Amino acid sequence: MTQDPHSIQVGVETAYISEQSDPAQERFVFAYTITISNQGDAPAKLLNRHWVITDANGKVQEVRGPGVVGEQPYLKPGERFQYTSGTVLETPVGSMEGEYEMVDDRGAHFLAPIAPFSLAGPQATLH
């Protein structure tokens, strides 16, 4: 059994940005730091991103576009790329998930899934 040459791991850390948020105006700003690690044995380049962002009201935003933060990182086996971006929700809690479209040196396209993760502001705590 051969190892899949395409093994992209995606780690996520989130933070609520209170100084940019305005709960009275239903504006909740979150930052997320993504770490993309190439755990496979083939180099790969990130071509496109696809995010599905859902707030607590069930409102869904889909975001598609080339690269991440204006870059299309090329990752050799064992390398990683980290970036921070953000999103704005109308509720103090929500979730994000998605995928990155990758391509290897042979031109084979594949998807690197991003597991769902939650976004929660301090007001989201249950009493």
Protein backbone atom coordinates (compact mmCIF):
# COMPACT_ATOMS: atom_id res chain seq x y z
CA MET A 1 0.00 0.00 0.00
CA THR A 2 1.51 3.31 -1.05
CA GLN A 3 1.17 6.52 0.90
CA ASP A 4 -0.99 9.18 -0.70
CA PRO A 5 1.43 11.79 -2.08
CA HIS A 6 -1.20 14.44 -1.32
CA SER A 7 -1.58 15.00 2.39
CA ILE A 8 -2.29 18.60 3.30
CA GLN A 9 -3.11 19.25 6.97
CA VAL A 10 -4.96 22.42 7.93
CA GLY A 11 -4.83 23.77 11.49
CA VAL A 12 -6.96 26.67 12.74
CA GLU A 13 -6.85 29.11 15.65
CA THR A 14 -9.57 31.72 16.08
CA ALA A 15 -9.91 34.97 18.01
CA TYR A 16 -12.74 37.43 18.63
CA ILE A 17 -11.69 41.01 17.80
CA SER A 18 -13.65 43.11 20.30
CA GLU A 19 -12.14 46.46 19.24
CA GLN A 20 -13.51 46.03 15.68
CA SER A 21 -16.83 44.53 16.77
CA ASP A 22 -20.04 46.41 17.58
CA PRO A 23 -22.61 44.06 19.15
CA ALA A 24 -25.25 46.82 19.18
CA GLN A 25 -24.96 46.94 15.38
CA GLU A 26 -24.84 43.12 15.08
CA ARG A 27 -21.21 43.26 13.96
CA PHE A 28 -18.94 40.54 15.34
CA VAL A 29 -15.41 40.42 13.95
CA PHE A 30 -13.28 37.29 14.10
CA ALA A 31 -9.70 36.58 13.09
CA TYR A 32 -8.55 33.12 12.13
CA THR A 33 -4.98 31.91 11.77
CA ILE A 34 -4.54 29.01 9.38
CA THR A 35 -1.51 26.74 9.25
CA ILE A 36 -1.26 24.64 6.08
CA SER A 37 1.23 21.76 6.33
CA ASN A 38 2.32 19.49 3.51
CA GLN A 39 2.51 16.05 5.14
CA GLY A 40 2.62 14.23 1.80
CA ASP A 41 5.59 13.36 -0.36
CA ALA A 42 4.77 15.60 -3.34
CA PRO A 43 5.15 19.38 -3.54
CA ALA A 44 1.86 21.23 -3.98
CA LYS A 45 0.68 24.76 -4.72
CA LEU A 46 -2.49 26.27 -3.28
CA LEU A 47 -4.56 27.60 -6.20
CA ASN A 48 -7.96 28.54 -4.78
CA ARG A 49 -9.92 28.77 -1.57
CA HIS A 50 -13.56 27.99 -0.85
CA TRP A 51 -15.13 28.94 2.49
CA VAL A 52 -18.62 28.34 3.80
CA ILE A 53 -19.31 30.73 6.70
CA THR A 54 -22.51 30.26 8.72
CA ASP A 55 -23.80 32.48 11.53
CA ALA A 56 -26.15 31.50 14.36
CA ASN A 57 -29.16 32.69 12.34
CA GLY A 58 -28.31 30.20 9.60
CA LYS A 59 -27.13 32.91 7.21
CA VAL A 60 -24.51 31.42 4.90
CA GLN A 61 -21.75 33.29 3.09
CA GLU A 62 -19.67 31.49 0.48
CA VAL A 63 -16.25 32.85 -0.38
CA ARG A 64 -14.29 31.61 -3.38
CA GLY A 65 -11.16 33.05 -4.85
CA PRO A 66 -7.57 32.58 -5.88
CA GLY A 67 -5.00 31.86 -3.19
CA VAL A 68 -5.04 33.11 0.38
CA VAL A 69 -4.17 36.66 1.51
CA GLY A 70 -2.99 37.46 -2.02
CA GLU A 71 -0.60 34.50 -2.18
CA GLN A 72 -0.58 31.05 -3.73
CA PRO A 73 1.92 29.29 -1.48
CA TYR A 74 4.02 26.45 -2.87
CA LEU A 75 4.74 23.84 -0.22
CA LYS A 76 7.40 21.18 -0.51
CA PRO A 77 6.98 18.05 1.64
CA GLY A 78 7.41 19.01 5.29
CA GLU A 79 6.90 22.73 4.67
CA ARG A 80 4.11 24.84 6.10
CA PHE A 81 2.50 28.20 5.42
CA GLN A 82 0.68 30.30 7.99
CA TYR A 83 -1.58 33.29 7.50
CA THR A 84 -4.21 35.27 9.36
CA SER A 85 -7.44 36.57 7.89
CA GLY A 86 -10.85 37.52 9.22
CA THR A 87 -14.58 37.50 8.80
CA VAL A 88 -17.57 39.46 10.08
CA LEU A 89 -20.75 37.84 11.39
CA GLU A 90 -24.10 39.30 12.45
CA THR A 91 -24.20 36.96 15.47
CA PRO A 92 -21.67 36.34 18.29
CA VAL A 93 -21.24 32.72 17.26
CA GLY A 94 -20.87 30.93 13.95
CA SER A 95 -18.81 28.39 12.07
CA MET A 96 -16.55 28.08 9.06
CA GLU A 97 -15.46 25.19 6.87
CA GLY A 98 -14.17 24.77 3.37
CA GLU A 99 -11.41 23.49 1.17
CA TYR A 100 -8.30 24.52 -0.71
CA GLU A 101 -7.80 23.53 -4.32
CA MET A 102 -4.22 22.34 -4.72
CA VAL A 103 -2.12 21.25 -7.68
CA ASP A 104 1.03 19.11 -7.62
CA ASP A 105 4.08 19.35 -9.90
CA ARG A 106 2.54 16.84 -12.31
CA GLY A 107 -0.51 19.04 -12.76
CA ALA A 108 -2.83 16.81 -10.73
CA HIS A 109 -5.50 18.82 -8.92
CA PHE A 110 -6.80 17.75 -5.50
CA LEU A 111 -8.73 19.22 -2.60
CA ALA A 112 -7.47 19.79 0.93
CA PRO A 113 -10.54 19.86 3.20
CA ILE A 114 -10.83 22.33 6.07
CA ALA A 115 -12.85 20.76 8.88
CA PRO A 116 -15.62 22.87 10.44
CA PHE A 117 -14.49 25.14 13.25
CA SER A 118 -16.44 27.49 15.48
CA LEU A 119 -16.25 31.25 15.90
CA ALA A 120 -17.43 32.51 19.28
CA GLY A 121 -17.32 35.93 20.90
CA PRO A 122 -17.36 36.54 24.65
CA GLN A 123 -21.14 37.19 24.57
CA ALA A 124 -21.66 33.64 23.32
CA THR A 125 -21.03 32.08 26.74
CA LEU A 126 -24.02 30.35 28.27
CA HIS A 127 -25.19 31.58 31.66
